[in-house]
Amino acid sequence: FPYSMAIMKEAFRFWTLEPLAVPHFLQAEDEYKGYKLPAGSIILPNIWAIHHSNEDLYPDPFVFNPDHFLDDR
């Protein structure tokens, strides 16, 4: 059963159904990679990039590998 759950989680990570998340409203000024985002800005988080750019979290992010989630309980 744990491996079946890992396959399902990896499928959701690997094949993101919607690349952008729900718009978020910034309540306070923020900075991202040197860009200043003023309070009141509306941002659209890129879910696909989040799931495919962090190699510390997902080694080989462009490879379908359910083992990414086997230690996640």
N, C-alpha and C. Protein backbone atom coordinates (compact mmCIF):
# COMPACT_ATOMS: atom_id res chain seq x y z
N PHE A 1 0.80 -1.20 0.00
CA PHE A 1 0.00 0.00 0.00
C PHE A 1 0.85 1.28 0.00
N PRO A 2 1.97 1.34 0.76
CA PRO A 2 2.78 2.56 0.74
C PRO A 2 3.33 2.88 -0.65
N TYR A 3 3.71 1.83 -1.41
CA TYR A 3 4.24 2.10 -2.75
C TYR A 3 3.15 2.62 -3.68
N SER A 4 1.93 2.15 -3.53
CA SER A 4 0.82 2.66 -4.34
C SER A 4 0.58 4.14 -4.06
N MET A 5 0.65 4.53 -2.79
CA MET A 5 0.50 5.94 -2.43
C MET A 5 1.64 6.77 -3.00
N ALA A 6 2.86 6.22 -2.97
CA ALA A 6 4.01 6.93 -3.51
C ALA A 6 3.86 7.14 -5.02
N ILE A 7 3.33 6.14 -5.72
CA ILE A 7 3.09 6.28 -7.16
C ILE A 7 2.06 7.38 -7.42
N MET A 8 1.01 7.42 -6.63
CA MET A 8 -0.01 8.45 -6.81
C MET A 8 0.56 9.85 -6.55
N LYS A 9 1.31 10.01 -5.46
CA LYS A 9 1.90 11.32 -5.15
C LYS A 9 2.89 11.75 -6.23
N GLU A 10 3.69 10.82 -6.71
CA GLU A 10 4.67 11.16 -7.75
C GLU A 10 3.97 11.51 -9.06
N ALA A 11 2.87 10.85 -9.35
CA ALA A 11 2.10 11.19 -10.56
C ALA A 11 1.57 12.62 -10.48
N PHE A 12 1.06 13.01 -9.31
CA PHE A 12 0.57 14.38 -9.14
C PHE A 12 1.71 15.39 -9.23
N ARG A 13 2.89 15.03 -8.71
CA ARG A 13 4.04 15.93 -8.79
C ARG A 13 4.55 16.04 -10.22
N PHE A 14 4.70 14.90 -10.87
CA PHE A 14 5.33 14.85 -12.19
C PHE A 14 4.44 15.44 -13.28
N TRP A 15 3.17 15.09 -13.27
CA TRP A 15 2.22 15.60 -14.26
C TRP A 15 1.26 16.57 -13.59
N THR A 16 1.73 17.78 -13.37
CA THR A 16 0.91 18.80 -12.72
C THR A 16 -0.30 19.10 -13.59
N LEU A 17 -1.49 18.98 -13.02
CA LEU A 17 -2.71 19.20 -13.80
C LEU A 17 -2.88 20.67 -14.20
N GLU A 18 -2.57 21.55 -13.29
CA GLU A 18 -2.69 22.99 -13.55
C GLU A 18 -1.35 23.62 -13.19
N PRO A 19 -0.64 24.22 -14.15
CA PRO A 19 0.70 24.72 -13.87
C PRO A 19 0.74 25.90 -12.90
N LEU A 20 -0.34 26.65 -12.82
CA LEU A 20 -0.36 27.81 -11.92
C LEU A 20 -1.34 27.58 -10.78
N ALA A 21 -0.97 28.07 -9.60
CA ALA A 21 -1.83 27.92 -8.43
C ALA A 21 -2.87 29.04 -8.39
N VAL A 22 -3.68 29.02 -7.38
CA VAL A 22 -4.68 30.05 -7.16
C VAL A 22 -3.95 31.37 -6.88
N PRO A 23 -4.40 32.49 -7.44
CA PRO A 23 -3.74 33.77 -7.16
C PRO A 23 -3.69 34.07 -5.66
N HIS A 24 -2.56 34.61 -5.24
CA HIS A 24 -2.36 35.00 -3.84
C HIS A 24 -2.18 36.51 -3.76
N PHE A 25 -2.66 37.11 -2.69
CA PHE A 25 -2.58 38.54 -2.44
C PHE A 25 -1.50 38.78 -1.39
N LEU A 26 -0.48 39.57 -1.71
CA LEU A 26 0.57 39.86 -0.74
C LEU A 26 0.09 40.93 0.25
N GLN A 27 0.10 40.59 1.51
CA GLN A 27 -0.32 41.53 2.54
C GLN A 27 0.84 42.42 3.00
N ALA A 28 2.06 41.96 2.78
CA ALA A 28 3.25 42.72 3.16
C ALA A 28 4.24 42.70 2.00
N GLU A 29 5.09 43.71 1.94
CA GLU A 29 6.11 43.74 0.90
C GLU A 29 7.00 42.51 1.03
N ASP A 30 7.44 41.98 -0.11
CA ASP A 30 8.27 40.78 -0.11
C ASP A 30 9.33 40.94 -1.17
N GLU A 31 10.32 40.04 -1.14
CA GLU A 31 11.37 40.05 -2.15
C GLU A 31 11.58 38.62 -2.63
N TYR A 32 11.73 38.46 -3.93
CA TYR A 32 11.96 37.14 -4.51
C TYR A 32 13.04 37.26 -5.57
N LYS A 33 14.18 36.58 -5.33
CA LYS A 33 15.31 36.59 -6.26
C LYS A 33 15.70 38.00 -6.70
N GLY A 34 15.73 38.92 -5.74
CA GLY A 34 16.14 40.28 -6.02
C GLY A 34 15.03 41.21 -6.51
N TYR A 35 13.85 40.66 -6.77
CA TYR A 35 12.72 41.48 -7.21
C TYR A 35 11.88 41.87 -6.01
N LYS A 36 11.60 43.16 -5.88
CA LYS A 36 10.76 43.63 -4.79
C LYS A 36 9.30 43.56 -5.21
N LEU A 37 8.50 42.92 -4.38
CA LEU A 37 7.08 42.78 -4.64
C LEU A 37 6.32 43.62 -3.62
N PRO A 38 5.67 44.69 -4.05
CA PRO A 38 5.00 45.57 -3.09
C PRO A 38 3.77 44.91 -2.47
N ALA A 39 3.44 45.36 -1.26
CA ALA A 39 2.22 44.89 -0.60
C ALA A 39 1.03 45.20 -1.51
N GLY A 40 0.08 44.31 -1.54
CA GLY A 40 -1.10 44.50 -2.39
C GLY A 40 -0.95 43.85 -3.76
N SER A 41 0.23 43.33 -4.07
CA SER A 41 0.43 42.65 -5.36
C SER A 41 -0.31 41.33 -5.38
N ILE A 42 -0.69 40.91 -6.55
CA ILE A 42 -1.29 39.59 -6.74
C ILE A 42 -0.26 38.74 -7.47
N ILE A 43 0.05 37.58 -6.91
CA ILE A 43 1.03 36.69 -7.52
C ILE A 43 0.37 35.38 -7.92
N LEU A 44 0.93 34.74 -8.94
CA LEU A 44 0.48 33.42 -9.39
C LEU A 44 1.63 32.43 -9.22
N PRO A 45 1.64 31.65 -8.15
CA PRO A 45 2.71 30.67 -7.96
C PRO A 45 2.72 29.63 -9.09
N ASN A 46 3.91 29.31 -9.57
CA ASN A 46 4.07 28.35 -10.65
C ASN A 46 4.33 26.97 -10.04
N ILE A 47 3.28 26.17 -9.92
CA ILE A 47 3.36 24.85 -9.29
C ILE A 47 4.32 23.92 -10.06
N TRP A 48 4.27 23.98 -11.37
CA TRP A 48 5.16 23.11 -12.17
C TRP A 48 6.61 23.40 -11.83
N ALA A 49 6.99 24.66 -11.76
CA ALA A 49 8.37 25.03 -11.45
C ALA A 49 8.75 24.60 -10.03
N ILE A 50 7.82 24.74 -9.09
CA ILE A 50 8.10 24.33 -7.72
C ILE A 50 8.41 22.84 -7.66
N HIS A 51 7.67 22.05 -8.41
CA HIS A 51 7.85 20.59 -8.39
C HIS A 51 8.99 20.10 -9.25
N HIS A 52 9.56 20.94 -10.11
CA HIS A 52 10.61 20.49 -11.01
C HIS A 52 11.92 21.24 -10.88
N SER A 53 12.05 22.17 -9.93
CA SER A 53 13.29 22.95 -9.87
C SER A 53 14.10 22.73 -8.60
N ASN A 54 13.55 22.08 -7.60
CA ASN A 54 14.26 21.90 -6.34
C ASN A 54 14.86 20.50 -6.27
N GLU A 55 16.13 20.39 -6.67
CA GLU A 55 16.76 19.06 -6.69
C GLU A 55 17.11 18.56 -5.29
N ASP A 56 17.09 19.45 -4.29
CA ASP A 56 17.29 18.98 -2.92
C ASP A 56 16.06 18.21 -2.44
N LEU A 57 14.90 18.67 -2.86
CA LEU A 57 13.65 18.03 -2.46
C LEU A 57 13.33 16.82 -3.34
N TYR A 58 13.54 16.98 -4.66
CA TYR A 58 13.26 15.90 -5.62
C TYR A 58 14.48 15.69 -6.50
N PRO A 59 15.40 14.77 -6.10
CA PRO A 59 16.55 14.49 -6.97
C PRO A 59 16.06 13.99 -8.33
N ASP A 60 16.70 14.42 -9.39
CA ASP A 60 16.27 14.09 -10.77
C ASP A 60 14.79 14.43 -10.96
N PRO A 61 14.42 15.70 -10.87
CA PRO A 61 13.00 16.08 -10.92
C PRO A 61 12.30 15.78 -12.23
N PHE A 62 13.05 15.50 -13.30
CA PHE A 62 12.42 15.22 -14.60
C PHE A 62 12.29 13.71 -14.86
N VAL A 63 12.55 12.92 -13.83
CA VAL A 63 12.42 11.46 -13.91
C VAL A 63 11.27 11.04 -12.99
N PHE A 64 10.37 10.20 -13.51
CA PHE A 64 9.27 9.69 -12.70
C PHE A 64 9.85 8.65 -11.75
N ASN A 65 9.84 8.97 -10.44
CA ASN A 65 10.44 8.09 -9.45
C ASN A 65 9.61 8.13 -8.15
N PRO A 66 8.74 7.15 -7.93
CA PRO A 66 7.92 7.13 -6.71
C PRO A 66 8.73 7.08 -5.43
N ASP A 67 10.01 6.70 -5.50
CA ASP A 67 10.84 6.65 -4.31
C ASP A 67 10.97 8.02 -3.63
N HIS A 68 10.68 9.10 -4.37
CA HIS A 68 10.70 10.43 -3.75
C HIS A 68 9.81 10.49 -2.53
N PHE A 69 8.76 9.68 -2.50
CA PHE A 69 7.75 9.79 -1.45
C PHE A 69 7.70 8.59 -0.51
N LEU A 70 8.62 7.68 -0.63
CA LEU A 70 8.55 6.50 0.25
C LEU A 70 8.85 6.82 1.70
N ASP A 71 9.65 7.84 1.99
CA ASP A 71 9.92 8.22 3.38
C ASP A 71 8.91 9.22 3.90
N ASP A 72 8.00 9.69 3.07
CA ASP A 72 6.98 10.68 3.46
C ASP A 72 5.81 9.96 4.09
N ARG A 73 5.63 10.09 5.39
CA ARG A 73 4.54 9.39 6.08
C ARG A 73 3.71 10.34 6.87
